[in-house]
Amino acid sequence: MRTTLRKIGNSRGVLIPAALLAECGIANDIELHLEGSRIVIEPARPARAGWFEGYRADQDDDAWRDLPPAADSGEWEW
């Protein structure tokens, strides 16, 4: 598909057909980046996507108890 750039203020814009956007899963927000001399447009991912990948809720959360005691293990004095 061939199209032209359109002047929008001091920038340029491209009209992308709705069918093409739907096929790519793009709704409103996008991410742009360069790959060599190509401009890549991708659907924007949620801000914290993938933060908990690999996390298991059944992990031993008390593993820190096996650490050696701190050098100053006495009571706090104020």
C-alpha atoms as a PDB file:
ATOM      1  CA  MET A   1       0.000   0.000   0.000  1.00  0.00           C
ATOM      2  CA  ARG A   2       1.357   3.377  -0.931  1.00  0.00           C
ATOM      3  CA  THR A   3       0.273   6.675   0.628  1.00  0.00           C
ATOM      4  CA  THR A   4       1.596  10.198   1.160  1.00  0.00           C
ATOM      5  CA  LEU A   5       2.604  12.186   4.195  1.00  0.00           C
ATOM      6  CA  ARG A   6       0.242  15.018   5.086  1.00  0.00           C
ATOM      7  CA  LYS A   7       1.247  18.272   6.708  1.00  0.00           C
ATOM      8  CA  ILE A   8      -0.193  18.697  10.218  1.00  0.00           C
ATOM      9  CA  GLY A   9       1.139  21.881  11.782  1.00  0.00           C
ATOM     10  CA  ASN A  10       4.930  21.592  11.921  1.00  0.00           C
ATOM     11  CA  SER A  11       4.714  17.794  11.698  1.00  0.00           C
ATOM     12  CA  ARG A  12       3.639  15.185   9.158  1.00  0.00           C
ATOM     13  CA  GLY A  13       0.925  12.556   9.462  1.00  0.00           C
ATOM     14  CA  VAL A  14      -0.147   9.350   7.775  1.00  0.00           C
ATOM     15  CA  LEU A  15      -3.725   8.136   7.465  1.00  0.00           C
ATOM     16  CA  ILE A  16      -3.839   4.425   8.280  1.00  0.00           C
ATOM     17  CA  PRO A  17      -6.925   2.497   7.120  1.00  0.00           C
ATOM     18  CA  ALA A  18      -9.134   1.166   9.940  1.00  0.00           C
ATOM     19  CA  ALA A  19      -8.936  -2.396   8.624  1.00  0.00           C
ATOM     20  CA  LEU A  20      -5.133  -2.320   8.850  1.00  0.00           C
ATOM     21  CA  LEU A  21      -5.253  -0.956  12.417  1.00  0.00           C
ATOM     22  CA  ALA A  22      -7.739  -3.644  13.440  1.00  0.00           C
ATOM     23  CA  GLU A  23      -5.568  -6.370  11.919  1.00  0.00           C
ATOM     24  CA  CYS A  24      -2.592  -5.139  13.979  1.00  0.00           C
ATOM     25  CA  GLY A  25      -4.627  -4.798  17.185  1.00  0.00           C
ATOM     26  CA  ILE A  26      -4.094  -1.060  17.410  1.00  0.00           C
ATOM     27  CA  ALA A  27      -6.866   0.922  19.135  1.00  0.00           C
ATOM     28  CA  ASN A  28      -5.690   4.344  20.311  1.00  0.00           C
ATOM     29  CA  ASP A  29      -2.247   4.383  21.893  1.00  0.00           C
ATOM     30  CA  ILE A  30       0.823   3.352  19.927  1.00  0.00           C
ATOM     31  CA  GLU A  31       4.554   3.037  20.418  1.00  0.00           C
ATOM     32  CA  LEU A  32       6.949   4.284  17.740  1.00  0.00           C
ATOM     33  CA  HIS A  33      10.569   3.263  17.326  1.00  0.00           C
ATOM     34  CA  LEU A  34      13.198   3.037  14.642  1.00  0.00           C
ATOM     35  CA  GLU A  35      14.659  -0.166  13.239  1.00  0.00           C
ATOM     36  CA  GLY A  36      17.429   0.997  10.973  1.00  0.00           C
ATOM     37  CA  SER A  37      15.753   3.430   8.582  1.00  0.00           C
ATOM     38  CA  ARG A  38      12.239   2.069   9.216  1.00  0.00           C
ATOM     39  CA  ILE A  39       9.610   3.576  11.498  1.00  0.00           C
ATOM     40  CA  VAL A  40       7.819   0.807  13.401  1.00  0.00           C
ATOM     41  CA  ILE A  41       4.331   1.405  14.817  1.00  0.00           C
ATOM     42  CA  GLU A  42       3.121  -1.054  17.461  1.00  0.00           C
ATOM     43  CA  PRO A  43       0.164  -1.146  19.857  1.00  0.00           C
ATOM     44  CA  ALA A  44       1.083   0.366  23.216  1.00  0.00           C
ATOM     45  CA  ARG A  45       1.479  -2.140  26.044  1.00  0.00           C
ATOM     46  CA  PRO A  46       0.166  -1.441  29.549  1.00  0.00           C
ATOM     47  CA  ALA A  47       2.712   0.440  31.664  1.00  0.00           C
ATOM     48  CA  ARG A  48       3.552  -2.459  33.979  1.00  0.00           C
ATOM     49  CA  ALA A  49       3.085  -5.353  31.585  1.00  0.00           C
ATOM     50  CA  GLY A  50       5.208  -8.374  32.479  1.00  0.00           C
ATOM     51  CA  TRP A  51       6.243  -7.225  35.965  1.00  0.00           C
ATOM     52  CA  PHE A  52       5.078 -10.446  37.587  1.00  0.00           C
ATOM     53  CA  GLU A  53       6.188 -12.903  34.910  1.00  0.00           C
ATOM     54  CA  GLY A  54       7.964 -15.772  36.604  1.00  0.00           C
ATOM     55  CA  TYR A  55       6.483 -14.966  40.019  1.00  0.00           C
ATOM     56  CA  ARG A  56       4.951 -17.893  41.855  1.00  0.00           C
ATOM     57  CA  ALA A  57       2.625 -17.220  44.769  1.00  0.00           C
ATOM     58  CA  ASP A  58       3.716 -20.499  46.404  1.00  0.00           C
ATOM     59  CA  GLN A  59       7.353 -19.375  46.718  1.00  0.00           C
ATOM     60  CA  ASP A  60       8.938 -19.458  50.179  1.00  0.00           C
ATOM     61  CA  ASP A  61       8.552 -15.869  51.370  1.00  0.00           C
ATOM     62  CA  ASP A  62      10.500 -16.617  54.562  1.00  0.00           C
ATOM     63  CA  ALA A  63      13.811 -17.323  52.773  1.00  0.00           C
ATOM     64  CA  TRP A  64      15.254 -14.131  54.285  1.00  0.00           C
ATOM     65  CA  ARG A  65      15.146 -15.810  57.735  1.00  0.00           C
ATOM     66  CA  ASP A  66      18.084 -18.049  56.718  1.00  0.00           C
ATOM     67  CA  LEU A  67      20.402 -15.047  56.323  1.00  0.00           C
ATOM     68  CA  PRO A  68      23.161 -14.580  58.933  1.00  0.00           C
ATOM     69  CA  PRO A  69      22.379 -12.052  61.697  1.00  0.00           C
ATOM     70  CA  ALA A  70      23.409  -8.447  61.106  1.00  0.00           C
ATOM     71  CA  ALA A  71      26.629  -7.190  62.712  1.00  0.00           C
ATOM     72  CA  ASP A  72      24.618  -4.966  65.045  1.00  0.00           C
ATOM     73  CA  SER A  73      21.944  -7.369  66.264  1.00  0.00           C
ATOM     74  CA  GLY A  74      21.536  -5.608  69.623  1.00  0.00           C
ATOM     75  CA  GLU A  75      18.580  -3.497  70.661  1.00  0.00           C
ATOM     76  CA  TRP A  76      18.270   0.013  69.267  1.00  0.00           C
ATOM     77  CA  GLU A  77      19.275   2.837  71.544  1.00  0.00           C
ATOM     78  CA  TRP A  78      18.026   6.367  71.087  1.00  0.00           C
END
